Structure formats: C-alpha cells, structure tokens
Amino acid sequence: MKFLHQPFTAKAKERIVVDFDKPTKVLLIHTSQFAKYKGGRTYQYHGGHAETSPTEFTVPFDGVWHAIIEKGTYHNPLNVSGKAKLIKPRYSTLNGAEQNETHQKIEEYDDTLE
C-alpha cells in the first residue's frame, strides 16, 4: 500500500486539515497505531473515504498524530497528491495565552464632579 503521511505533535482540540486533489481515504492515526497500519494489522483511526477536500480533524488528545492520504490499493493505485497542516487554536487575548477568570467585579463609582 502506498500513502502520503505527515506526523504532527499536537495537543487536544487542535485541528489538522488535510487537502487532497482526488477522492481517497484520509486518516488520522495516533503514533501508537501507526506501526500496525504500516504492517497491515488491525488499527484504530479517525476518518475514512473522503470525496471533497479539505478534510478536517480535531485532535482528541495530546500526542504524535499521523495525517495519512492513501494512494489507492496495490492492485488499483491512484495518483493522489496532498498536504496536511496543523492549526492551533486562536485565543482572543493580546498575548495569545488562555486567560483564567480570576478577576473580580469592582464596585461602581460616580466620577462626576460636584
């Protein structure tokens, strides 16, 4: 079996987006399952046959994940090209870090002059 693959070190809730030019099987496999996949054994994966590009996956937990684009089967190869990229979440803060809700409401005051 021929395939394209790109490993990513990703955290939970980050997204991996896979672009491809023909309908094919697109998978996201954790590194603990990747050797099983390459060896033709039973493995766990996310994804499956995809007709339209791009396909987007949300990483379920931290670790090394492999985005895979299959290039058909041994007897029916496909000339497929593609790429994958990791998209980290964007936070609505100035420094890009997630903020804790530790602030407390202050008492309102009257700032008019008498």
PDB file of N, CA and C in Angstrom:
ATOM      1  N   MET A   1       0.849  -1.170   0.000  1.00  0.00           N
ATOM      2  CA  MET A   1       0.000   0.000   0.000  1.00  0.00           C
ATOM      3  C   MET A   1       0.896   1.233   0.000  1.00  0.00           C
ATOM      4  N   LYS A   2       0.538   2.195  -0.830  1.00  0.00           N
ATOM      5  CA  LYS A   2       1.277   3.446  -0.878  1.00  0.00           C
ATOM      6  C   LYS A   2       0.415   4.533  -0.253  1.00  0.00           C
ATOM      7  N   PHE A   3       1.085   5.445   0.422  1.00  0.00           N
ATOM      8  CA  PHE A   3       0.357   6.528   1.075  1.00  0.00           C
ATOM      9  C   PHE A   3       1.279   7.709   1.283  1.00  0.00           C
ATOM     10  N   LEU A   4       0.685   8.871   1.469  1.00  0.00           N
ATOM     11  CA  LEU A   4       1.389  10.078   1.888  1.00  0.00           C
ATOM     12  C   LEU A   4       1.088  10.252   3.362  1.00  0.00           C
ATOM     13  N   HIS A   5       2.078  10.707   4.109  1.00  0.00           N
ATOM     14  CA  HIS A   5       1.777  10.937   5.525  1.00  0.00           C
ATOM     15  C   HIS A   5       2.647  12.049   6.085  1.00  0.00           C
ATOM     16  N   GLN A   6       2.101  12.716   7.081  1.00  0.00           N
ATOM     17  CA  GLN A   6       2.782  13.810   7.765  1.00  0.00           C
ATOM     18  C   GLN A   6       2.523  13.666   9.255  1.00  0.00           C
ATOM     19  N   PRO A   7       3.591  13.503  10.064  1.00  0.00           N
ATOM     20  CA  PRO A   7       3.388  13.434  11.516  1.00  0.00           C
ATOM     21  C   PRO A   7       3.303  14.839  12.124  1.00  0.00           C
ATOM     22  N   PHE A   8       2.503  14.968  13.166  1.00  0.00           N
ATOM     23  CA  PHE A   8       2.351  16.226  13.894  1.00  0.00           C
ATOM     24  C   PHE A   8       2.381  15.952  15.388  1.00  0.00           C
ATOM     25  N   THR A   9       3.100  16.764  16.134  1.00  0.00           N
ATOM     26  CA  THR A   9       2.989  16.749  17.589  1.00  0.00           C
ATOM     27  C   THR A   9       1.895  17.756  17.914  1.00  0.00           C
ATOM     28  N   ALA A  10       0.771  17.249  18.406  1.00  0.00           N
ATOM     29  CA  ALA A  10      -0.406  18.100  18.576  1.00  0.00           C
ATOM     30  C   ALA A  10      -1.023  17.912  19.952  1.00  0.00           C
ATOM     31  N   LYS A  11      -1.737  18.937  20.379  1.00  0.00           N
ATOM     32  CA  LYS A  11      -2.454  18.894  21.654  1.00  0.00           C
ATOM     33  C   LYS A  11      -3.945  18.722  21.392  1.00  0.00           C
ATOM     34  N   ALA A  12      -4.633  18.256  22.416  1.00  0.00           N
ATOM     35  CA  ALA A  12      -6.081  18.062  22.312  1.00  0.00           C
ATOM     36  C   ALA A  12      -6.756  19.350  21.846  1.00  0.00           C
ATOM     37  N   LYS A  13      -7.733  19.216  20.995  1.00  0.00           N
ATOM     38  CA  LYS A  13      -8.562  20.291  20.450  1.00  0.00           C
ATOM     39  C   LYS A  13      -7.887  21.107  19.352  1.00  0.00           C
ATOM     40  N   GLU A  14      -6.601  20.835  19.050  1.00  0.00           N
ATOM     41  CA  GLU A  14      -6.012  21.454  17.875  1.00  0.00           C
ATOM     42  C   GLU A  14      -6.597  20.759  16.646  1.00  0.00           C
ATOM     43  N   ARG A  15      -6.481  21.396  15.493  1.00  0.00           N
ATOM     44  CA  ARG A  15      -7.071  20.831  14.278  1.00  0.00           C
ATOM     45  C   ARG A  15      -5.989  20.484  13.268  1.00  0.00           C
ATOM     46  N   ILE A  16      -6.201  19.397  12.560  1.00  0.00           N
ATOM     47  CA  ILE A  16      -5.337  19.015  11.449  1.00  0.00           C
ATOM     48  C   ILE A  16      -6.206  19.029  10.201  1.00  0.00           C
ATOM     49  N   VAL A  17      -5.777  19.808   9.214  1.00  0.00           N
ATOM     50  CA  VAL A  17      -6.520  19.956   7.968  1.00  0.00           C
ATOM     51  C   VAL A  17      -5.727  19.272   6.859  1.00  0.00           C
ATOM     52  N   VAL A  18      -6.397  18.385   6.121  1.00  0.00           N
ATOM     53  CA  VAL A  18      -5.764  17.627   5.046  1.00  0.00           C
ATOM     54  C   VAL A  18      -6.402  18.028   3.717  1.00  0.00           C
ATOM     55  N   ASP A  19      -5.558  18.493   2.782  1.00  0.00           N
ATOM     56  CA  ASP A  19      -6.001  18.841   1.430  1.00  0.00           C
ATOM     57  C   ASP A  19      -5.539  17.752   0.471  1.00  0.00           C
ATOM     58  N   PHE A  20      -6.370  17.409  -0.505  1.00  0.00           N
ATOM     59  CA  PHE A  20      -6.015  16.390  -1.492  1.00  0.00           C
ATOM     60  C   PHE A  20      -6.733  16.718  -2.793  1.00  0.00           C
ATOM     61  N   ASP A  21      -6.251  16.137  -3.898  1.00  0.00           N
ATOM     62  CA  ASP A  21      -6.803  16.517  -5.199  1.00  0.00           C
ATOM     63  C   ASP A  21      -7.773  15.516  -5.816  1.00  0.00           C
ATOM     64  N   LYS A  22      -7.931  14.330  -5.220  1.00  0.00           N
ATOM     65  CA  LYS A  22      -8.868  13.325  -5.734  1.00  0.00           C
ATOM     66  C   LYS A  22      -9.535  12.620  -4.564  1.00  0.00           C
ATOM     67  N   PRO A  23     -10.748  12.121  -4.749  1.00  0.00           N
ATOM     68  CA  PRO A  23     -11.382  11.342  -3.679  1.00  0.00           C
ATOM     69  C   PRO A  23     -10.501  10.153  -3.286  1.00  0.00           C
ATOM     70  N   THR A  24     -10.301   9.981  -2.001  1.00  0.00           N
ATOM     71  CA  THR A  24      -9.435   8.923  -1.492  1.00  0.00           C
ATOM     72  C   THR A  24      -9.728   8.686  -0.019  1.00  0.00           C
ATOM     73  N   LYS A  25      -8.980   7.798   0.586  1.00  0.00           N
ATOM     74  CA  LYS A  25      -9.119   7.521   2.009  1.00  0.00           C
ATOM     75  C   LYS A  25      -8.164   8.444   2.767  1.00  0.00           C
ATOM     76  N   VAL A  26      -8.716   9.212   3.719  1.00  0.00           N
ATOM     77  CA  VAL A  26      -7.941  10.160   4.517  1.00  0.00           C
ATOM     78  C   VAL A  26      -8.103   9.771   5.978  1.00  0.00           C
ATOM     79  N   LEU A  27      -6.970   9.569   6.656  1.00  0.00           N
ATOM     80  CA  LEU A  27      -6.995   9.058   8.025  1.00  0.00           C
ATOM     81  C   LEU A  27      -6.180   9.931   8.963  1.00  0.00           C
ATOM     82  N   LEU A  28      -6.543   9.885  10.230  1.00  0.00           N
ATOM     83  CA  LEU A  28      -5.736  10.451  11.303  1.00  0.00           C
ATOM     84  C   LEU A  28      -5.477   9.310  12.276  1.00  0.00           C
ATOM     85  N   ILE A  29      -4.185   8.996  12.473  1.00  0.00           N
ATOM     86  CA  ILE A  29      -3.809   7.842  13.288  1.00  0.00           C
ATOM     87  C   ILE A  29      -2.809   8.279  14.351  1.00  0.00           C
ATOM     88  N   HIS A  30      -3.045   7.869  15.592  1.00  0.00           N
ATOM     89  CA  HIS A  30      -2.101   8.140  16.671  1.00  0.00           C
ATOM     90  C   HIS A  30      -0.843   7.314  16.446  1.00  0.00           C
ATOM     91  N   THR A  31       0.277   7.816  16.909  1.00  0.00           N
ATOM     92  CA  THR A  31       1.557   7.149  16.666  1.00  0.00           C
ATOM     93  C   THR A  31       1.597   5.727  17.228  1.00  0.00           C
ATOM     94  N   SER A  32       0.818   5.446  18.271  1.00  0.00           N
ATOM     95  CA  SER A  32       0.786   4.091  18.839  1.00  0.00           C
ATOM     96  C   SER A  32       0.134   3.092  17.883  1.00  0.00           C
ATOM     97  N   GLN A  33      -0.624   3.571  16.905  1.00  0.00           N
ATOM     98  CA  GLN A  33      -1.315   2.718  15.937  1.00  0.00           C
ATOM     99  C   GLN A  33      -0.639   2.709  14.561  1.00  0.00           C
ATOM    100  N   PHE A  34       0.313   3.609  14.355  1.00  0.00           N
ATOM    101  CA  PHE A  34       0.897   3.774  13.027  1.00  0.00           C
ATOM    102  C   PHE A  34       1.671   2.539  12.557  1.00  0.00           C
ATOM    103  N   ALA A  35       2.434   1.892  13.420  1.00  0.00           N
ATOM    104  CA  ALA A  35       3.170   0.674  13.035  1.00  0.00           C
ATOM    105  C   ALA A  35       2.198  -0.440  12.640  1.00  0.00           C
ATOM    106  N   LYS A  36       1.072  -0.527  13.337  1.00  0.00           N
ATOM    107  CA  LYS A  36       0.050  -1.518  12.979  1.00  0.00           C
ATOM    108  C   LYS A  36      -0.502  -1.222  11.585  1.00  0.00           C
ATOM    109  N   TYR A  37      -0.761   0.044  11.304  1.00  0.00           N
ATOM    110  CA  TYR A  37      -1.262   0.449   9.984  1.00  0.00           C
ATOM    111  C   TYR A  37      -0.272   0.044   8.894  1.00  0.00           C
ATOM    112  N   LYS A  38       1.011   0.391   9.100  1.00  0.00           N
ATOM    113  CA  LYS A  38       2.023   0.071   8.094  1.00  0.00           C
ATOM    114  C   LYS A  38       2.212  -1.428   7.931  1.00  0.00           C
ATOM    115  N   GLY A  39       2.014  -2.184   9.006  1.00  0.00           N
ATOM    116  CA  GLY A  39       2.183  -3.629   8.960  1.00  0.00           C
ATOM    117  C   GLY A  39       0.961  -4.381   8.464  1.00  0.00           C
ATOM    118  N   GLY A  40      -0.120  -3.672   8.157  1.00  0.00           N
ATOM    119  CA  GLY A  40      -1.323  -4.316   7.649  1.00  0.00           C
ATOM    120  C   GLY A  40      -2.147  -5.011   8.713  1.00  0.00           C
ATOM    121  N   ARG A  41      -1.900  -4.667   9.979  1.00  0.00           N
ATOM    122  CA  ARG A  41      -2.675  -5.264  11.069  1.00  0.00           C
ATOM    123  C   ARG A  41      -3.869  -4.367  11.399  1.00  0.00           C
ATOM    124  N   THR A  42      -4.709  -4.829  12.302  1.00  0.00           N
ATOM    125  CA  THR A  42      -5.866  -4.054  12.747  1.00  0.00           C
ATOM    126  C   THR A  42      -5.380  -2.836  13.531  1.00  0.00           C
ATOM    127  N   TYR A  43      -5.964  -1.673  13.251  1.00  0.00           N
ATOM    128  CA  TYR A  43      -5.544  -0.430  13.895  1.00  0.00           C
ATOM    129  C   TYR A  43      -6.766   0.451  14.118  1.00  0.00           C
ATOM    130  N   GLN A  44      -6.604   1.430  15.002  1.00  0.00           N
ATOM    131  CA  GLN A  44      -7.669   2.399  15.273  1.00  0.00           C
ATOM    132  C   GLN A  44      -7.342   3.695  14.542  1.00  0.00           C
ATOM    133  N   TYR A  45      -8.368   4.339  14.015  1.00  0.00           N
ATOM    134  CA  TYR A  45      -8.149   5.548  13.234  1.00  0.00           C
ATOM    135  C   TYR A  45      -9.380   6.442  13.289  1.00  0.00           C
ATOM    136  N   HIS A  46      -9.192   7.663  12.816  1.00  0.00           N
ATOM    137  CA  HIS A  46     -10.272   8.621  12.611  1.00  0.00           C
ATOM    138  C   HIS A  46     -10.292   8.909  11.118  1.00  0.00           C
ATOM    139  N   GLY A  47     -11.480   9.110  10.558  1.00  0.00           N
ATOM    140  CA  GLY A  47     -11.583   9.441   9.148  1.00  0.00           C
ATOM    141  C   GLY A  47     -12.135   8.302   8.326  1.00  0.00           C
ATOM    142  N   GLY A  48     -11.741   8.243   7.062  1.00  0.00           N
ATOM    143  CA  GLY A  48     -12.218   7.237   6.131  1.00  0.00           C
ATOM    144  C   GLY A  48     -12.229   7.807   4.727  1.00  0.00           C
ATOM    145  N   HIS A  49     -13.093   7.277   3.877  1.00  0.00           N
ATOM    146  CA  HIS A  49     -13.164   7.746   2.493  1.00  0.00           C
ATOM    147  C   HIS A  49     -13.677   9.185   2.463  1.00  0.00           C
ATOM    148  N   ALA A  50     -12.972  10.031   1.721  1.00  0.00           N
ATOM    149  CA  ALA A  50     -13.352  11.439   1.607  1.00  0.00           C
ATOM    150  C   ALA A  50     -13.519  11.802   0.139  1.00  0.00           C
ATOM    151  N   GLU A  51     -14.631  12.412  -0.180  1.00  0.00           N
ATOM    152  CA  GLU A  51     -14.921  12.837  -1.552  1.00  0.00           C
ATOM    153  C   GLU A  51     -14.439  14.258  -1.828  1.00  0.00           C
ATOM    154  N   THR A  52     -14.560  15.124  -0.810  1.00  0.00           N
ATOM    155  CA  THR A  52     -14.226  16.532  -1.016  1.00  0.00           C
ATOM    156  C   THR A  52     -13.082  16.959  -0.112  1.00  0.00           C
ATOM    157  N   SER A  53     -12.296  17.868  -0.617  1.00  0.00           N
ATOM    158  CA  SER A  53     -11.165  18.419   0.115  1.00  0.00           C
ATOM    159  C   SER A  53     -11.519  19.842   0.535  1.00  0.00           C
ATOM    160  N   PRO A  54     -11.072  20.313   1.673  1.00  0.00           N
ATOM    161  CA  PRO A  54     -10.233  19.627   2.659  1.00  0.00           C
ATOM    162  C   PRO A  54     -11.054  18.803   3.653  1.00  0.00           C
ATOM    163  N   THR A  55     -10.352  17.916   4.330  1.00  0.00           N
ATOM    164  CA  THR A  55     -10.926  17.163   5.443  1.00  0.00           C
ATOM    165  C   THR A  55     -10.277  17.680   6.715  1.00  0.00           C
ATOM    166  N   GLU A  56     -11.086  17.907   7.741  1.00  0.00           N
ATOM    167  CA  GLU A  56     -10.571  18.476   8.984  1.00  0.00           C
ATOM    168  C   GLU A  56     -10.801  17.515  10.139  1.00  0.00           C
ATOM    169  N   PHE A  57      -9.757  17.349  10.957  1.00  0.00           N
ATOM    170  CA  PHE A  57      -9.829  16.509  12.149  1.00  0.00           C
ATOM    171  C   PHE A  57      -9.553  17.367  13.374  1.00  0.00           C
ATOM    172  N   THR A  58     -10.240  17.084  14.468  1.00  0.00           N
ATOM    173  CA  THR A  58      -9.922  17.687  15.756  1.00  0.00           C
ATOM    174  C   THR A  58      -9.175  16.643  16.563  1.00  0.00           C
ATOM    175  N   VAL A  59      -7.986  17.006  17.034  1.00  0.00           N
ATOM    176  CA  VAL A  59      -7.138  16.069  17.771  1.00  0.00           C
ATOM    177  C   VAL A  59      -7.819  15.729  19.090  1.00  0.00           C
ATOM    178  N   PRO A  60      -8.061  14.430  19.368  1.00  0.00           N
ATOM    179  CA  PRO A  60      -8.784  14.054  20.584  1.00  0.00           C
ATOM    180  C   PRO A  60      -7.958  14.127  21.865  1.00  0.00           C
ATOM    181  N   PHE A  61      -6.648  13.915  21.770  1.00  0.00           N
ATOM    182  CA  PHE A  61      -5.786  14.014  22.949  1.00  0.00           C
ATOM    183  C   PHE A  61      -4.355  14.295  22.507  1.00  0.00           C
ATOM    184  N   ASP A  62      -3.529  14.774  23.452  1.00  0.00           N
ATOM    185  CA  ASP A  62      -2.147  15.142  23.158  1.00  0.00           C
ATOM    186  C   ASP A  62      -1.352  13.946  22.646  1.00  0.00           C
ATOM    187  N   GLY A  63      -0.425  14.205  21.738  1.00  0.00           N
ATOM    188  CA  GLY A  63       0.463  13.154  21.255  1.00  0.00           C
ATOM    189  C   GLY A  63       0.942  13.425  19.845  1.00  0.00           C
ATOM    190  N   VAL A  64       1.595  12.419  19.271  1.00  0.00           N
ATOM    191  CA  VAL A  64       2.035  12.493  17.881  1.00  0.00           C
ATOM    192  C   VAL A  64       0.969  11.828  17.023  1.00  0.00           C
ATOM    193  N   TRP A  65       0.480  12.566  16.042  1.00  0.00           N
ATOM    194  CA  TRP A  65      -0.587  12.098  15.159  1.00  0.00           C
ATOM    195  C   TRP A  65      -0.096  12.106  13.725  1.00  0.00           C
ATOM    196  N   HIS A  66      -0.524  11.112  12.948  1.00  0.00           N
ATOM    197  CA  HIS A  66      -0.129  10.988  11.552  1.00  0.00           C
ATOM    198  C   HIS A  66      -1.343  11.247  10.663  1.00  0.00           C
ATOM    199  N   ALA A  67      -1.233  12.272   9.813  1.00  0.00           N
ATOM    200  CA  ALA A  67      -2.250  12.522   8.794  1.00  0.00           C
ATOM    201  C   ALA A  67      -1.856  11.697   7.575  1.00  0.00           C
ATOM    202  N   ILE A  68      -2.775  10.866   7.089  1.00  0.00           N
ATOM    203  CA  ILE A  68      -2.466   9.924   6.018  1.00  0.00           C
ATOM    204  C   ILE A  68      -3.435  10.114   4.853  1.00  0.00           C
ATOM    205  N   ILE A  69      -2.863  10.174   3.654  1.00  0.00           N
ATOM    206  CA  ILE A  69      -3.634  10.177   2.413  1.00  0.00           C
ATOM    207  C   ILE A  69      -3.246   8.905   1.676  1.00  0.00           C
ATOM    208  N   GLU A  70      -4.182   7.992   1.521  1.00  0.00           N
ATOM    209  CA  GLU A  70      -3.877   6.738   0.832  1.00  0.00           C
ATOM    210  C   GLU A  70      -3.874   6.953  -0.676  1.00  0.00           C
ATOM    211  N   LYS A  71      -2.930   6.275  -1.336  1.00  0.00           N
ATOM    212  CA  LYS A  71      -2.786   6.385  -2.788  1.00  0.00           C
ATOM    213  C   LYS A  71      -3.348   5.152  -3.479  1.00  0.00           C
ATOM    214  N   GLY A  72      -4.554   4.773  -3.073  1.00  0.00           N
ATOM    215  CA  GLY A  72      -5.208   3.615  -3.667  1.00  0.00           C
ATOM    216  C   GLY A  72      -4.746   2.319  -3.022  1.00  0.00           C
ATOM    217  N   THR A  73      -4.913   1.222  -3.765  1.00  0.00           N
ATOM    218  CA  THR A  73      -4.505  -0.096  -3.282  1.00  0.00           C
ATOM    219  C   THR A  73      -3.359  -0.609  -4.147  1.00  0.00           C
ATOM    220  N   TYR A  74      -2.820  -1.750  -3.771  1.00  0.00           N
ATOM    221  CA  TYR A  74      -1.722  -2.343  -4.529  1.00  0.00           C
ATOM    222  C   TYR A  74      -2.153  -2.618  -5.968  1.00  0.00           C
ATOM    223  N   HIS A  75      -3.348  -3.160  -6.153  1.00  0.00           N
ATOM    224  CA  HIS A  75      -3.834  -3.507  -7.489  1.00  0.00           C
ATOM    225  C   HIS A  75      -4.525  -2.349  -8.207  1.00  0.00           C
ATOM    226  N   ASN A  76      -4.878  -1.305  -7.477  1.00  0.00           N
ATOM    227  CA  ASN A  76      -5.565  -0.158  -8.070  1.00  0.00           C
ATOM    228  C   ASN A  76      -4.969   1.141  -7.521  1.00  0.00           C
ATOM    229  N   PRO A  77      -3.719   1.463  -7.914  1.00  0.00           N
ATOM    230  CA  PRO A  77      -3.081   2.669  -7.370  1.00  0.00           C
ATOM    231  C   PRO A  77      -3.720   3.949  -7.920  1.00  0.00           C
ATOM    232  N   LEU A  78      -3.669   4.993  -7.114  1.00  0.00           N
ATOM    233  CA  LEU A  78      -4.165   6.315  -7.510  1.00  0.00           C
ATOM    234  C   LEU A  78      -3.008   7.302  -7.489  1.00  0.00           C
ATOM    235  N   ASN A  79      -3.030   8.231  -8.408  1.00  0.00           N
ATOM    236  CA  ASN A  79      -2.031   9.289  -8.412  1.00  0.00           C
ATOM    237  C   ASN A  79      -2.624  10.482  -7.660  1.00  0.00           C
ATOM    238  N   VAL A  80      -2.522  10.436  -6.353  1.00  0.00           N
ATOM    239  CA  VAL A  80      -3.108  11.455  -5.480  1.00  0.00           C
ATOM    240  C   VAL A  80      -1.986  12.303  -4.893  1.00  0.00           C
ATOM    241  N   SER A  81      -2.208  13.597  -4.818  1.00  0.00           N
ATOM    242  CA  SER A  81      -1.273  14.470  -4.113  1.00  0.00           C
ATOM    243  C   SER A  81      -2.049  15.230  -3.047  1.00  0.00           C
ATOM    244  N   GLY A  82      -1.324  15.704  -2.062  1.00  0.00           N
ATOM    245  CA  GLY A  82      -1.988  16.430  -0.987  1.00  0.00           C
ATOM    246  C   GLY A  82      -1.010  16.948   0.032  1.00  0.00           C
ATOM    247  N   LYS A  83      -1.545  17.592   1.036  1.00  0.00           N
ATOM    248  CA  LYS A  83      -0.734  18.136   2.125  1.00  0.00           C
ATOM    249  C   LYS A  83      -1.604  18.244   3.363  1.00  0.00           C
ATOM    250  N   ALA A  84      -0.937  18.360   4.489  1.00  0.00           N
ATOM    251  CA  ALA A  84      -1.649  18.492   5.763  1.00  0.00           C
ATOM    252  C   ALA A  84      -0.994  19.598   6.572  1.00  0.00           C
ATOM    253  N   LYS A  85      -1.798  20.252   7.403  1.00  0.00           N
ATOM    254  CA  LYS A  85      -1.243  21.295   8.268  1.00  0.00           C
ATOM    255  C   LYS A  85      -1.948  21.274   9.613  1.00  0.00           C
ATOM    256  N   LEU A  86      -1.214  21.689  10.622  1.00  0.00           N
ATOM    257  CA  LEU A  86      -1.725  21.774  11.991  1.00  0.00           C
ATOM    258  C   LEU A  86      -2.188  23.197  12.238  1.00  0.00           C
ATOM    259  N   ILE A  87      -3.397  23.332  12.764  1.00  0.00           N
ATOM    260  CA  ILE A  87      -3.937  24.650  13.090  1.00  0.00           C
ATOM    261  C   ILE A  87      -4.145  24.712  14.591  1.00  0.00           C
ATOM    262  N   LYS A  88      -3.392  25.587  15.219  1.00  0.00           N
ATOM    263  CA  LYS A  88      -3.504  25.760  16.666  1.00  0.00           C
ATOM    264  C   LYS A  88      -4.657  26.712  16.960  1.00  0.00           C
ATOM    265  N   PRO A  89      -5.308  26.553  18.115  1.00  0.00           N
ATOM    266  CA  PRO A  89      -6.434  27.441  18.437  1.00  0.00           C
ATOM    267  C   PRO A  89      -5.965  28.874  18.633  1.00  0.00           C
ATOM    268  N   ARG A  90      -6.824  29.803  18.271  1.00  0.00           N
ATOM    269  CA  ARG A  90      -6.519  31.218  18.465  1.00  0.00           C
ATOM    270  C   ARG A  90      -7.314  31.717  19.658  1.00  0.00           C
ATOM    271  N   TYR A  91      -6.636  32.413  20.518  1.00  0.00           N
ATOM    272  CA  TYR A  91      -7.284  32.966  21.700  1.00  0.00           C
ATOM    273  C   TYR A  91      -7.541  34.445  21.481  1.00  0.00           C
ATOM    274  N   SER A  92      -8.558  34.952  22.114  1.00  0.00           N
ATOM    275  CA  SER A  92      -8.910  36.358  21.948  1.00  0.00           C
ATOM    276  C   SER A  92      -8.237  37.219  23.015  1.00  0.00           C
ATOM    277  N   THR A  93      -6.963  36.986  23.236  1.00  0.00           N
ATOM    278  CA  THR A  93      -6.200  37.775  24.196  1.00  0.00           C
ATOM    279  C   THR A  93      -5.001  38.376  23.489  1.00  0.00           C
ATOM    280  N   LEU A  94      -4.427  39.383  24.080  1.00  0.00           N
ATOM    281  CA  LEU A  94      -3.303  40.063  23.445  1.00  0.00           C
ATOM    282  C   LEU A  94      -2.050  39.197  23.375  1.00  0.00           C
ATOM    283  N   ASN A  95      -1.773  38.426  24.412  1.00  0.00           N
ATOM    284  CA  ASN A  95      -0.538  37.647  24.427  1.00  0.00           C
ATOM    285  C   ASN A  95      -0.710  36.243  23.861  1.00  0.00           C
ATOM    286  N   GLY A  96      -1.890  35.879  23.388  1.00  0.00           N
ATOM    287  CA  GLY A  96      -2.117  34.584  22.774  1.00  0.00           C
ATOM    288  C   GLY A  96      -2.292  33.442  23.747  1.00  0.00           C
ATOM    289  N   ALA A  97      -2.259  33.718  25.042  1.00  0.00           N
ATOM    290  CA  ALA A  97      -2.408  32.662  26.043  1.00  0.00           C
ATOM    291  C   ALA A  97      -3.841  32.633  26.560  1.00  0.00           C
ATOM    292  N   GLU A  98      -4.244  31.464  26.964  1.00  0.00           N
ATOM    293  CA  GLU A  98      -5.578  31.311  27.527  1.00  0.00           C
ATOM    294  C   GLU A  98      -5.614  32.011  28.880  1.00  0.00           C
ATOM    295  N   GLN A  99      -6.679  32.743  29.142  1.00  0.00           N
ATOM    296  CA  GLN A  99      -6.771  33.515  30.371  1.00  0.00           C
ATOM    297  C   GLN A  99      -7.713  32.852  31.358  1.00  0.00           C
ATOM    298  N   ASN A 100      -7.335  32.900  32.622  1.00  0.00           N
ATOM    299  CA  ASN A 100      -8.192  32.389  33.689  1.00  0.00           C
ATOM    300  C   ASN A 100      -9.135  33.491  34.144  1.00  0.00           C
ATOM    301  N   GLU A 101     -10.289  33.115  34.584  1.00  0.00           N
ATOM    302  CA  GLU A 101     -11.276  34.084  35.068  1.00  0.00           C
ATOM    303  C   GLU A 101     -11.032  34.348  36.550  1.00  0.00           C
ATOM    304  N   THR A 102      -9.976  35.095  36.869  1.00  0.00           N
ATOM    305  CA  THR A 102      -9.641  35.359  38.266  1.00  0.00           C
ATOM    306  C   THR A 102      -9.996  36.776  38.697  1.00  0.00           C
ATOM    307  N   HIS A 103     -10.448  37.587  37.766  1.00  0.00           N
ATOM    308  CA  HIS A 103     -10.766  38.960  38.128  1.00  0.00           C
ATOM    309  C   HIS A 103     -12.107  39.030  38.868  1.00  0.00           C
ATOM    310  N   GLN A 104     -12.226  40.046  39.680  1.00  0.00           N
ATOM    311  CA  GLN A 104     -13.465  40.253  40.418  1.00  0.00           C
ATOM    312  C   GLN A 104     -14.048  41.600  40.014  1.00  0.00           C
ATOM    313  N   LYS A 105     -15.355  41.675  40.033  1.00  0.00           N
ATOM    314  CA  LYS A 105     -16.012  42.922  39.676  1.00  0.00           C
ATOM    315  C   LYS A 105     -15.757  43.967  40.755  1.00  0.00           C
ATOM    316  N   ILE A 106     -15.370  45.157  40.316  1.00  0.00           N
ATOM    317  CA  ILE A 106     -15.148  46.229  41.281  1.00  0.00           C
ATOM    318  C   ILE A 106     -16.452  46.989  41.485  1.00  0.00           C
ATOM    319  N   GLU A 107     -16.514  47.670  42.599  1.00  0.00           N
ATOM    320  CA  GLU A 107     -17.714  48.452  42.868  1.00  0.00           C
ATOM    321  C   GLU A 107     -17.749  49.647  41.928  1.00  0.00           C
ATOM    322  N   GLU A 108     -18.926  49.952  41.450  1.00  0.00           N
ATOM    323  CA  GLU A 108     -19.059  51.097  40.567  1.00  0.00           C
ATOM    324  C   GLU A 108     -18.942  52.375  41.387  1.00  0.00           C
ATOM    325  N   TYR A 109     -18.463  53.418  40.746  1.00  0.00           N
ATOM    326  CA  TYR A 109     -18.303  54.687  41.441  1.00  0.00           C
ATOM    327  C   TYR A 109     -18.800  55.814  40.560  1.00  0.00           C
ATOM    328  N   ASP A 110     -19.085  56.917  41.188  1.00  0.00           N
ATOM    329  CA  ASP A 110     -19.575  58.094  40.487  1.00  0.00           C
ATOM    330  C   ASP A 110     -18.401  59.039  40.301  1.00  0.00           C
ATOM    331  N   ASP A 111     -17.998  59.281  39.058  1.00  0.00           N
ATOM    332  CA  ASP A 111     -16.834  60.137  38.823  1.00  0.00           C
ATOM    333  C   ASP A 111     -17.220  61.562  38.392  1.00  0.00           C
ATOM    334  N   THR A 112     -18.455  61.957  38.641  1.00  0.00           N
ATOM    335  CA  THR A 112     -18.866  63.322  38.299  1.00  0.00           C
ATOM    336  C   THR A 112     -18.413  64.262  39.401  1.00  0.00           C
ATOM    337  N   LEU A 113     -18.091  65.459  39.002  1.00  0.00           N
ATOM    338  CA  LEU A 113     -17.670  66.467  39.980  1.00  0.00           C
ATOM    339  C   LEU A 113     -18.894  67.166  40.553  1.00  0.00           C
ATOM    340  N   GLU A 114     -18.824  67.437  41.829  1.00  0.00           N
ATOM    341  CA  GLU A 114     -19.940  68.138  42.463  1.00  0.00           C
ATOM    342  C   GLU A 114     -19.619  69.578  42.682  1.00  0.00           C
TER     343      GLU A 114
END
